Amino acid sequence: FSIAVGADVASKRLEATCAIEVEGYSVEEKSYEELGCEGSIVYQKFVKKDGSCCGSPRSVLKC
């Protein structure tokens, strides 16, 4: 599954401070997009870890 998180900070600062971890999943891809005016978005793609007994992404993220 993939998520996108927006913030009111520049992408370099977001990259240094934003580390999203999801139990039972590992980050496969991660990228940042600068929106201008000190805004940015971080995109992360997660994959289930081998042998992990985790729930669905929705239940893990408490959506």
N, C-alpha and C. Protein backbone atom coordinates (compact mmCIF):
# COMPACT_ATOMS: atom_id res chain seq x y z
N PHE A 1 0.84 -1.17 0.00
CA PHE A 1 0.00 0.00 0.00
C PHE A 1 0.88 1.23 0.00
N SER A 2 0.30 2.36 -0.38
CA SER A 2 1.05 3.62 -0.46
C SER A 2 0.30 4.70 0.30
N ILE A 3 1.06 5.67 0.82
CA ILE A 3 0.46 6.82 1.48
C ILE A 3 1.16 8.09 1.00
N ALA A 4 0.48 9.21 1.14
CA ALA A 4 1.06 10.52 0.87
C ALA A 4 0.72 11.41 2.06
N VAL A 5 1.73 12.10 2.59
CA VAL A 5 1.55 12.98 3.74
C VAL A 5 2.02 14.37 3.36
N GLY A 6 1.16 15.36 3.54
CA GLY A 6 1.52 16.74 3.24
C GLY A 6 1.92 17.48 4.50
N ALA A 7 2.81 18.45 4.34
CA ALA A 7 3.27 19.24 5.48
C ALA A 7 3.57 20.67 5.03
N ASP A 8 3.55 21.58 5.99
CA ASP A 8 3.84 22.99 5.71
C ASP A 8 5.32 23.31 5.91
N VAL A 9 6.20 22.38 5.51
CA VAL A 9 7.64 22.59 5.62
C VAL A 9 8.29 22.21 4.30
N ALA A 10 9.50 22.70 4.07
CA ALA A 10 10.24 22.37 2.85
C ALA A 10 10.60 20.89 2.83
N SER A 11 10.76 20.31 1.65
CA SER A 11 10.99 18.87 1.53
C SER A 11 12.28 18.42 2.22
N LYS A 12 13.34 19.23 2.20
CA LYS A 12 14.59 18.84 2.87
C LYS A 12 14.36 18.69 4.37
N ARG A 13 13.60 19.61 4.95
CA ARG A 13 13.30 19.53 6.39
C ARG A 13 12.37 18.35 6.67
N LEU A 14 11.39 18.14 5.82
CA LEU A 14 10.47 17.01 5.98
C LEU A 14 11.23 15.70 5.89
N GLU A 15 12.15 15.61 4.95
CA GLU A 15 12.96 14.40 4.77
C GLU A 15 13.77 14.09 6.04
N ALA A 16 14.26 15.12 6.69
CA ALA A 16 15.08 14.93 7.89
C ALA A 16 14.26 14.60 9.13
N THR A 17 12.98 14.97 9.15
CA THR A 17 12.18 14.81 10.36
C THR A 17 11.03 13.82 10.24
N CYS A 18 10.65 13.44 9.04
CA CYS A 18 9.47 12.59 8.86
C CYS A 18 9.88 11.16 8.52
N ALA A 19 9.72 10.28 9.46
CA ALA A 19 9.99 8.86 9.24
C ALA A 19 8.74 8.09 9.63
N ILE A 20 8.00 7.64 8.65
CA ILE A 20 6.77 6.91 8.91
C ILE A 20 7.08 5.43 8.93
N GLU A 21 6.79 4.79 10.05
CA GLU A 21 7.01 3.36 10.20
C GLU A 21 5.68 2.70 10.50
N VAL A 22 5.43 1.57 9.87
CA VAL A 22 4.19 0.83 10.05
C VAL A 22 4.56 -0.59 10.48
N GLU A 23 4.04 -1.01 11.63
CA GLU A 23 4.37 -2.32 12.17
C GLU A 23 4.00 -3.43 11.19
N GLY A 24 4.97 -4.32 10.92
CA GLY A 24 4.75 -5.45 10.02
C GLY A 24 5.02 -5.15 8.56
N TYR A 25 5.37 -3.89 8.25
CA TYR A 25 5.62 -3.48 6.87
C TYR A 25 6.97 -2.79 6.79
N SER A 26 7.61 -2.87 5.62
CA SER A 26 8.85 -2.14 5.39
C SER A 26 8.65 -1.18 4.22
N VAL A 27 9.43 -0.11 4.21
CA VAL A 27 9.34 0.90 3.15
C VAL A 27 10.04 0.38 1.91
N GLU A 28 9.32 0.32 0.80
CA GLU A 28 9.90 -0.13 -0.47
C GLU A 28 10.38 1.07 -1.29
N GLU A 29 9.61 2.14 -1.29
CA GLU A 29 9.97 3.36 -2.02
C GLU A 29 9.58 4.57 -1.18
N LYS A 30 10.35 5.65 -1.35
CA LYS A 30 10.08 6.89 -0.63
C LYS A 30 10.52 8.05 -1.51
N SER A 31 9.66 9.05 -1.66
CA SER A 31 10.04 10.22 -2.44
C SER A 31 9.37 11.46 -1.86
N TYR A 32 9.92 12.61 -2.22
CA TYR A 32 9.44 13.89 -1.72
C TYR A 32 9.15 14.81 -2.89
N GLU A 33 8.13 15.65 -2.71
CA GLU A 33 7.78 16.63 -3.75
C GLU A 33 7.65 18.00 -3.10
N GLU A 34 8.37 18.95 -3.64
CA GLU A 34 8.32 20.34 -3.16
C GLU A 34 7.11 21.02 -3.77
N LEU A 35 6.27 21.65 -2.94
CA LEU A 35 5.08 22.32 -3.43
C LEU A 35 5.26 23.83 -3.55
N GLY A 36 6.36 24.36 -3.05
CA GLY A 36 6.56 25.80 -3.03
C GLY A 36 5.95 26.40 -1.77
N CYS A 37 6.33 27.62 -1.45
CA CYS A 37 5.82 28.31 -0.26
C CYS A 37 5.98 27.45 1.00
N GLU A 38 7.11 26.77 1.13
CA GLU A 38 7.43 25.95 2.31
C GLU A 38 6.52 24.74 2.49
N GLY A 39 5.89 24.26 1.45
CA GLY A 39 5.05 23.07 1.54
C GLY A 39 5.66 21.92 0.77
N SER A 40 5.36 20.70 1.20
CA SER A 40 5.88 19.52 0.52
C SER A 40 5.03 18.30 0.85
N ILE A 41 5.24 17.24 0.08
CA ILE A 41 4.54 15.97 0.27
C ILE A 41 5.57 14.86 0.27
N VAL A 42 5.40 13.90 1.17
CA VAL A 42 6.23 12.70 1.17
C VAL A 42 5.33 11.54 0.74
N TYR A 43 5.82 10.75 -0.21
CA TYR A 43 5.12 9.57 -0.70
C TYR A 43 5.90 8.35 -0.21
N GLN A 44 5.21 7.36 0.35
CA GLN A 44 5.88 6.14 0.78
C GLN A 44 5.07 4.93 0.34
N LYS A 45 5.79 3.93 -0.17
CA LYS A 45 5.18 2.66 -0.57
C LYS A 45 5.68 1.59 0.40
N PHE A 46 4.76 0.85 0.99
CA PHE A 46 5.09 -0.18 1.97
C PHE A 46 4.78 -1.56 1.42
N VAL A 47 5.58 -2.54 1.85
CA VAL A 47 5.33 -3.94 1.52
C VAL A 47 5.36 -4.73 2.82
N LYS A 48 4.56 -5.78 2.88
CA LYS A 48 4.50 -6.62 4.07
C LYS A 48 5.81 -7.36 4.25
N LYS A 49 6.32 -7.37 5.49
CA LYS A 49 7.56 -8.09 5.79
C LYS A 49 7.30 -9.59 5.73
N ASP A 50 8.30 -10.35 5.29
CA ASP A 50 8.18 -11.81 5.23
C ASP A 50 7.90 -12.36 6.62
N GLY A 51 6.92 -13.24 6.72
CA GLY A 51 6.58 -13.89 7.98
C GLY A 51 5.85 -13.00 8.96
N SER A 52 5.47 -11.82 8.55
CA SER A 52 4.79 -10.90 9.45
C SER A 52 3.33 -11.29 9.61
N CYS A 53 2.84 -11.21 10.82
CA CYS A 53 1.44 -11.51 11.13
C CYS A 53 0.70 -10.21 11.44
N CYS A 54 0.83 -9.25 10.58
CA CYS A 54 0.21 -7.95 10.81
C CYS A 54 -1.18 -7.91 10.18
N GLY A 55 -1.96 -6.92 10.60
CA GLY A 55 -3.28 -6.74 10.04
C GLY A 55 -3.23 -6.03 8.70
N SER A 56 -4.41 -5.69 8.21
CA SER A 56 -4.50 -4.96 6.96
C SER A 56 -3.96 -3.54 7.16
N PRO A 57 -3.56 -2.87 6.08
CA PRO A 57 -3.07 -1.49 6.22
C PRO A 57 -4.08 -0.59 6.93
N ARG A 58 -5.35 -0.75 6.64
CA ARG A 58 -6.38 0.08 7.27
C ARG A 58 -6.41 -0.13 8.79
N SER A 59 -6.33 -1.38 9.24
CA SER A 59 -6.37 -1.63 10.68
C SER A 59 -5.07 -1.21 11.36
N VAL A 60 -3.94 -1.36 10.68
CA VAL A 60 -2.65 -0.98 11.26
C VAL A 60 -2.56 0.54 11.40
N LEU A 61 -3.07 1.28 10.41
CA LEU A 61 -3.02 2.75 10.44
C LEU A 61 -4.18 3.35 11.21
N LYS A 62 -5.10 2.54 11.70
CA LYS A 62 -6.26 3.00 12.49
C LYS A 62 -7.13 3.96 11.70
N CYS A 63 -7.42 3.63 10.43
CA CYS A 63 -8.26 4.49 9.58
C CYS A 63 -9.72 4.30 9.90
